[in-house]
């Protein structure tokens, strides 16, 4: 039987997600990993995991509309990529139901609460525990709702490159040639 090796950025994402509850960092870690793959090899499953983290980040901050948008999109990707999620050691059916339940809770006006991604593969659980040990972290912790750094982390970073890329993409969609002198 072949042993599964999980990418280190994925394990880092899981530690951030379950222990530090730094969903913004989860987004950064997996986005960099996703971007490092050649375009033809970029898997949508990573985008879904990024969207889950971003959705929870927004929900924790009280941006329910942003959270709903991200989690709805993540839910659609989860429904579409069961096999890929299973290869990543996650219980895709449980994750699909978890996201559907979270969306229902949001519709009912219930507040944010931490979730745990349903890891099912013994190899993933062992790799996750080893990653926690390497980082000297426990295996689980709830969100610290008083940590203003975690709650507002996205407002503290330089987003000029992100904004420039969004403008470039908008110009391309409008059939315009992007300004080569625009700030990047």
C-alpha atoms as a PDB file:
ATOM      1  CA  UNK A   1       0.000   0.000   0.000  1.00  0.00           C
ATOM      2  CA  UNK A   2       1.398   3.366  -1.054  1.00  0.00           C
ATOM      3  CA  UNK A   3       1.919   5.968   1.672  1.00  0.00           C
ATOM      4  CA  UNK A   4       0.329   9.373   1.153  1.00  0.00           C
ATOM      5  CA  UNK A   5       2.547  12.424   1.476  1.00  0.00           C
ATOM      6  CA  UNK A   6       0.653  15.627   2.138  1.00  0.00           C
ATOM      7  CA  UNK A   7       2.157  18.924   0.965  1.00  0.00           C
ATOM      8  CA  UNK A   8       3.715  20.898   3.820  1.00  0.00           C
ATOM      9  CA  UNK A   9       1.673  24.035   2.979  1.00  0.00           C
ATOM     10  CA  UNK A  10      -1.494  21.958   3.393  1.00  0.00           C
ATOM     11  CA  UNK A  11      -0.354  20.779   6.825  1.00  0.00           C
ATOM     12  CA  UNK A  12       0.548  24.375   7.750  1.00  0.00           C
ATOM     13  CA  UNK A  13      -2.924  25.436   6.615  1.00  0.00           C
ATOM     14  CA  UNK A  14      -4.486  22.810   8.893  1.00  0.00           C
ATOM     15  CA  UNK A  15      -2.433  23.964  11.888  1.00  0.00           C
ATOM     16  CA  UNK A  16      -3.387  27.596  11.251  1.00  0.00           C
ATOM     17  CA  UNK A  17      -7.007  26.569  10.737  1.00  0.00           C
ATOM     18  CA  UNK A  18      -7.451  24.383  13.825  1.00  0.00           C
ATOM     19  CA  UNK A  19      -4.962  25.791  16.316  1.00  0.00           C
ATOM     20  CA  UNK A  20      -4.066  29.383  15.652  1.00  0.00           C
ATOM     21  CA  UNK A  21      -7.410  30.080  13.937  1.00  0.00           C
ATOM     22  CA  UNK A  22      -5.534  32.506  11.714  1.00  0.00           C
ATOM     23  CA  UNK A  23      -7.786  32.154   8.695  1.00  0.00           C
ATOM     24  CA  UNK A  24      -6.056  34.999   6.903  1.00  0.00           C
ATOM     25  CA  UNK A  25      -2.770  33.110   7.140  1.00  0.00           C
ATOM     26  CA  UNK A  26      -4.574  29.973   5.905  1.00  0.00           C
ATOM     27  CA  UNK A  27      -5.553  31.942   2.813  1.00  0.00           C
ATOM     28  CA  UNK A  28      -2.006  33.221   2.297  1.00  0.00           C
ATOM     29  CA  UNK A  29      -0.410  29.772   2.694  1.00  0.00           C
ATOM     30  CA  UNK A  30      -2.683  27.917   0.288  1.00  0.00           C
ATOM     31  CA  UNK A  31      -2.869  30.723  -2.246  1.00  0.00           C
ATOM     32  CA  UNK A  32       0.932  30.762  -2.523  1.00  0.00           C
ATOM     33  CA  UNK A  33       0.960  26.981  -2.858  1.00  0.00           C
ATOM     34  CA  UNK A  34      -1.808  27.065  -5.473  1.00  0.00           C
ATOM     35  CA  UNK A  35      -0.032  29.794  -7.450  1.00  0.00           C
ATOM     36  CA  UNK A  36       3.243  27.825  -7.397  1.00  0.00           C
ATOM     37  CA  UNK A  37       1.671  25.065  -9.495  1.00  0.00           C
ATOM     38  CA  UNK A  38       1.663  25.371 -13.277  1.00  0.00           C
ATOM     39  CA  UNK A  39      -1.730  26.756 -14.430  1.00  0.00           C
ATOM     40  CA  UNK A  40      -2.807  23.422 -15.946  1.00  0.00           C
ATOM     41  CA  UNK A  41      -2.153  21.679 -12.599  1.00  0.00           C
ATOM     42  CA  UNK A  42      -3.941  24.155 -10.321  1.00  0.00           C
ATOM     43  CA  UNK A  43      -6.619  22.222  -8.511  1.00  0.00           C
ATOM     44  CA  UNK A  44      -9.913  23.890  -7.606  1.00  0.00           C
ATOM     45  CA  UNK A  45      -9.968  21.958  -4.343  1.00  0.00           C
ATOM     46  CA  UNK A  46      -7.306  24.341  -2.995  1.00  0.00           C
ATOM     47  CA  UNK A  47      -9.508  27.300  -3.926  1.00  0.00           C
ATOM     48  CA  UNK A  48     -12.364  25.727  -1.982  1.00  0.00           C
ATOM     49  CA  UNK A  49     -10.190  25.351   1.117  1.00  0.00           C
ATOM     50  CA  UNK A  50      -9.020  28.953   0.734  1.00  0.00           C
ATOM     51  CA  UNK A  51     -12.641  30.094   0.465  1.00  0.00           C
ATOM     52  CA  UNK A  52     -13.583  28.235   3.643  1.00  0.00           C
ATOM     53  CA  UNK A  53     -10.864  30.074   5.559  1.00  0.00           C
ATOM     54  CA  UNK A  54     -11.789  33.450   4.054  1.00  0.00           C
ATOM     55  CA  UNK A  55     -15.470  32.840   4.755  1.00  0.00           C
ATOM     56  CA  UNK A  56     -14.756  32.066   8.403  1.00  0.00           C
ATOM     57  CA  UNK A  57     -12.478  35.094   8.646  1.00  0.00           C
ATOM     58  CA  UNK A  58     -15.310  37.322   7.412  1.00  0.00           C
ATOM     59  CA  UNK A  59     -17.924  35.659   9.597  1.00  0.00           C
ATOM     60  CA  UNK A  60     -15.758  36.058  12.706  1.00  0.00           C
ATOM     61  CA  UNK A  61     -15.377  39.769  11.876  1.00  0.00           C
ATOM     62  CA  UNK A  62     -19.147  40.184  11.446  1.00  0.00           C
ATOM     63  CA  UNK A  63     -19.134  40.481   7.646  1.00  0.00           C
ATOM     64  CA  UNK A  64     -21.952  37.995   7.137  1.00  0.00           C
ATOM     65  CA  UNK A  65     -22.522  38.868   3.468  1.00  0.00           C
ATOM     66  CA  UNK A  66     -18.843  38.323   2.620  1.00  0.00           C
ATOM     67  CA  UNK A  67     -18.828  35.122   4.646  1.00  0.00           C
ATOM     68  CA  UNK A  68     -21.946  33.809   2.940  1.00  0.00           C
ATOM     69  CA  UNK A  69     -20.498  34.542  -0.507  1.00  0.00           C
ATOM     70  CA  UNK A  70     -17.244  32.699   0.248  1.00  0.00           C
ATOM     71  CA  UNK A  71     -18.836  29.741   2.017  1.00  0.00           C
ATOM     72  CA  UNK A  72     -21.479  29.328  -0.706  1.00  0.00           C
ATOM     73  CA  UNK A  73     -18.744  29.188  -3.333  1.00  0.00           C
ATOM     74  CA  UNK A  74     -16.677  26.807  -1.173  1.00  0.00           C
ATOM     75  CA  UNK A  75     -19.728  24.591  -0.670  1.00  0.00           C
ATOM     76  CA  UNK A  76     -20.221  24.363  -4.453  1.00  0.00           C
ATOM     77  CA  UNK A  77     -16.563  23.409  -4.951  1.00  0.00           C
ATOM     78  CA  UNK A  78     -16.734  20.802  -2.176  1.00  0.00           C
ATOM     79  CA  UNK A  79     -19.799  19.228  -3.827  1.00  0.00           C
ATOM     80  CA  UNK A  80     -17.900  19.092  -7.104  1.00  0.00           C
ATOM     81  CA  UNK A  81     -14.553  17.764  -5.834  1.00  0.00           C
ATOM     82  CA  UNK A  82     -15.326  14.880  -3.481  1.00  0.00           C
ATOM     83  CA  UNK A  83     -12.563  12.652  -4.869  1.00  0.00           C
ATOM     84  CA  UNK A  84      -9.871  15.323  -4.516  1.00  0.00           C
ATOM     85  CA  UNK A  85     -10.931  16.070  -0.934  1.00  0.00           C
ATOM     86  CA  UNK A  86     -10.828  12.372  -0.100  1.00  0.00           C
ATOM     87  CA  UNK A  87      -7.271  12.195  -1.517  1.00  0.00           C
ATOM     88  CA  UNK A  88      -6.415  15.052   0.846  1.00  0.00           C
ATOM     89  CA  UNK A  89      -7.604  12.907   3.748  1.00  0.00           C
ATOM     90  CA  UNK A  90     -10.825  14.828   4.388  1.00  0.00           C
ATOM     91  CA  UNK A  91     -14.311  13.398   4.722  1.00  0.00           C
ATOM     92  CA  UNK A  92     -15.895  15.208   1.782  1.00  0.00           C
ATOM     93  CA  UNK A  93     -19.497  14.309   2.691  1.00  0.00           C
ATOM     94  CA  UNK A  94     -19.041  15.553   6.246  1.00  0.00           C
ATOM     95  CA  UNK A  95     -17.414  18.749   4.949  1.00  0.00           C
ATOM     96  CA  UNK A  96     -20.278  19.326   2.524  1.00  0.00           C
ATOM     97  CA  UNK A  97     -22.812  18.947   5.359  1.00  0.00           C
ATOM     98  CA  UNK A  98     -20.712  21.097   7.688  1.00  0.00           C
ATOM     99  CA  UNK A  99     -20.687  23.978   5.203  1.00  0.00           C
ATOM    100  CA  UNK A 100     -24.407  23.615   4.458  1.00  0.00           C
ATOM    101  CA  UNK A 101     -25.086  23.726   8.192  1.00  0.00           C
ATOM    102  CA  UNK A 102     -22.911  26.796   8.657  1.00  0.00           C
ATOM    103  CA  UNK A 103     -24.756  28.586   5.849  1.00  0.00           C
ATOM    104  CA  UNK A 104     -28.096  27.719   7.491  1.00  0.00           C
ATOM    105  CA  UNK A 105     -26.809  29.055  10.819  1.00  0.00           C
ATOM    106  CA  UNK A 106     -25.783  32.292   9.146  1.00  0.00           C
ATOM    107  CA  UNK A 107     -29.236  32.588   7.563  1.00  0.00           C
ATOM    108  CA  UNK A 108     -30.692  32.247  11.070  1.00  0.00           C
ATOM    109  CA  UNK A 109     -28.432  35.045  12.320  1.00  0.00           C
ATOM    110  CA  UNK A 110     -26.365  32.798  14.567  1.00  0.00           C
ATOM    111  CA  UNK A 111     -22.893  34.134  15.444  1.00  0.00           C
ATOM    112  CA  UNK A 112     -19.530  32.832  14.314  1.00  0.00           C
ATOM    113  CA  UNK A 113     -18.064  29.804  16.014  1.00  0.00           C
ATOM    114  CA  UNK A 114     -14.979  27.761  15.203  1.00  0.00           C
ATOM    115  CA  UNK A 115     -15.291  24.650  13.056  1.00  0.00           C
ATOM    116  CA  UNK A 116     -13.064  21.637  12.633  1.00  0.00           C
ATOM    117  CA  UNK A 117     -12.376  20.270   9.181  1.00  0.00           C
ATOM    118  CA  UNK A 118     -13.327  16.579   9.124  1.00  0.00           C
ATOM    119  CA  UNK A 119     -10.028  14.751   8.728  1.00  0.00           C
ATOM    120  CA  UNK A 120     -10.642  11.042   8.204  1.00  0.00           C
ATOM    121  CA  UNK A 121      -7.460   9.494   6.796  1.00  0.00           C
ATOM    122  CA  UNK A 122      -5.215   8.085   9.505  1.00  0.00           C
ATOM    123  CA  UNK A 123      -2.145   9.246   7.552  1.00  0.00           C
ATOM    124  CA  UNK A 124      -3.447  12.832   7.460  1.00  0.00           C
ATOM    125  CA  UNK A 125      -4.275  12.801  11.161  1.00  0.00           C
ATOM    126  CA  UNK A 126      -0.770  11.512  11.961  1.00  0.00           C
ATOM    127  CA  UNK A 127       0.868  14.089   9.653  1.00  0.00           C
ATOM    128  CA  UNK A 128      -1.255  16.856  11.202  1.00  0.00           C
ATOM    129  CA  UNK A 129      -0.306  15.824  14.746  1.00  0.00           C
ATOM    130  CA  UNK A 130       3.363  15.746  13.717  1.00  0.00           C
ATOM    131  CA  UNK A 131       3.051  19.251  12.214  1.00  0.00           C
ATOM    132  CA  UNK A 132       1.483  20.498  15.470  1.00  0.00           C
ATOM    133  CA  UNK A 133       4.339  18.925  17.435  1.00  0.00           C
ATOM    134  CA  UNK A 134       6.991  20.468  15.130  1.00  0.00           C
ATOM    135  CA  UNK A 135       5.397  23.880  15.691  1.00  0.00           C
ATOM    136  CA  UNK A 136       4.994  23.205  19.426  1.00  0.00           C
ATOM    137  CA  UNK A 137       1.228  23.701  19.153  1.00  0.00           C
ATOM    138  CA  UNK A 138      -1.736  21.855  20.651  1.00  0.00           C
ATOM    139  CA  UNK A 139      -3.966  20.001  18.191  1.00  0.00           C
ATOM    140  CA  UNK A 140      -6.990  22.287  18.593  1.00  0.00           C
ATOM    141  CA  UNK A 141      -7.958  25.660  19.980  1.00  0.00           C
ATOM    142  CA  UNK A 142     -11.066  27.829  19.590  1.00  0.00           C
ATOM    143  CA  UNK A 143     -10.865  31.324  18.113  1.00  0.00           C
ATOM    144  CA  UNK A 144      -9.774  34.084  20.444  1.00  0.00           C
ATOM    145  CA  UNK A 145     -12.531  36.598  19.786  1.00  0.00           C
ATOM    146  CA  UNK A 146     -10.542  39.277  21.672  1.00  0.00           C
ATOM    147  CA  UNK A 147      -7.427  39.048  19.497  1.00  0.00           C
ATOM    148  CA  UNK A 148      -7.746  42.195  17.390  1.00  0.00           C
ATOM    149  CA  UNK A 149      -4.668  41.235  15.343  1.00  0.00           C
ATOM    150  CA  UNK A 150      -6.369  38.040  14.122  1.00  0.00           C
ATOM    151  CA  UNK A 151      -9.693  39.781  13.609  1.00  0.00           C
ATOM    152  CA  UNK A 152      -8.244  42.625  11.535  1.00  0.00           C
ATOM    153  CA  UNK A 153      -5.146  41.095   9.983  1.00  0.00           C
ATOM    154  CA  UNK A 154      -6.151  41.832   6.386  1.00  0.00           C
ATOM    155  CA  UNK A 155      -6.281  45.570   7.089  1.00  0.00           C
ATOM    156  CA  UNK A 156      -2.632  45.566   8.184  1.00  0.00           C
ATOM    157  CA  UNK A 157      -0.985  44.303   5.012  1.00  0.00           C
ATOM    158  CA  UNK A 158       0.034  46.139   1.875  1.00  0.00           C
ATOM    159  CA  UNK A 159      -2.596  45.272  -0.706  1.00  0.00           C
ATOM    160  CA  UNK A 160      -1.323  47.469  -3.551  1.00  0.00           C
ATOM    161  CA  UNK A 161      -0.287  44.429  -5.630  1.00  0.00           C
ATOM    162  CA  UNK A 162      -3.708  42.803  -5.145  1.00  0.00           C
ATOM    163  CA  UNK A 163      -5.527  46.014  -6.105  1.00  0.00           C
ATOM    164  CA  UNK A 164      -3.310  46.526  -9.161  1.00  0.00           C
ATOM    165  CA  UNK A 165      -3.988  42.954 -10.332  1.00  0.00           C
ATOM    166  CA  UNK A 166      -7.745  43.410  -9.862  1.00  0.00           C
ATOM    167  CA  UNK A 167      -7.606  46.590 -11.977  1.00  0.00           C
ATOM    168  CA  UNK A 168      -5.564  44.781 -14.649  1.00  0.00           C
ATOM    169  CA  UNK A 169      -8.088  41.922 -14.754  1.00  0.00           C
ATOM    170  CA  UNK A 170     -10.985  44.402 -14.965  1.00  0.00           C
ATOM    171  CA  UNK A 171      -9.337  46.158 -17.904  1.00  0.00           C
ATOM    172  CA  UNK A 172      -8.787  42.821 -19.653  1.00  0.00           C
ATOM    173  CA  UNK A 173     -12.459  41.841 -19.146  1.00  0.00           C
ATOM    174  CA  UNK A 174     -13.501  45.182 -20.604  1.00  0.00           C
ATOM    175  CA  UNK A 175     -11.332  44.545 -23.653  1.00  0.00           C
ATOM    176  CA  UNK A 176      -8.853  47.267 -22.743  1.00  0.00           C
ATOM    177  CA  UNK A 177      -5.107  46.957 -22.791  1.00  0.00           C
ATOM    178  CA  UNK A 178      -3.827  47.206 -19.195  1.00  0.00           C
ATOM    179  CA  UNK A 179      -1.682  50.230 -18.393  1.00  0.00           C
ATOM    180  CA  UNK A 180       1.919  48.923 -18.285  1.00  0.00           C
ATOM    181  CA  UNK A 181       2.920  51.875 -16.070  1.00  0.00           C
ATOM    182  CA  UNK A 182       0.306  51.193 -13.387  1.00  0.00           C
ATOM    183  CA  UNK A 183       1.668  50.573  -9.907  1.00  0.00           C
ATOM    184  CA  UNK A 184       2.245  46.917  -9.092  1.00  0.00           C
END
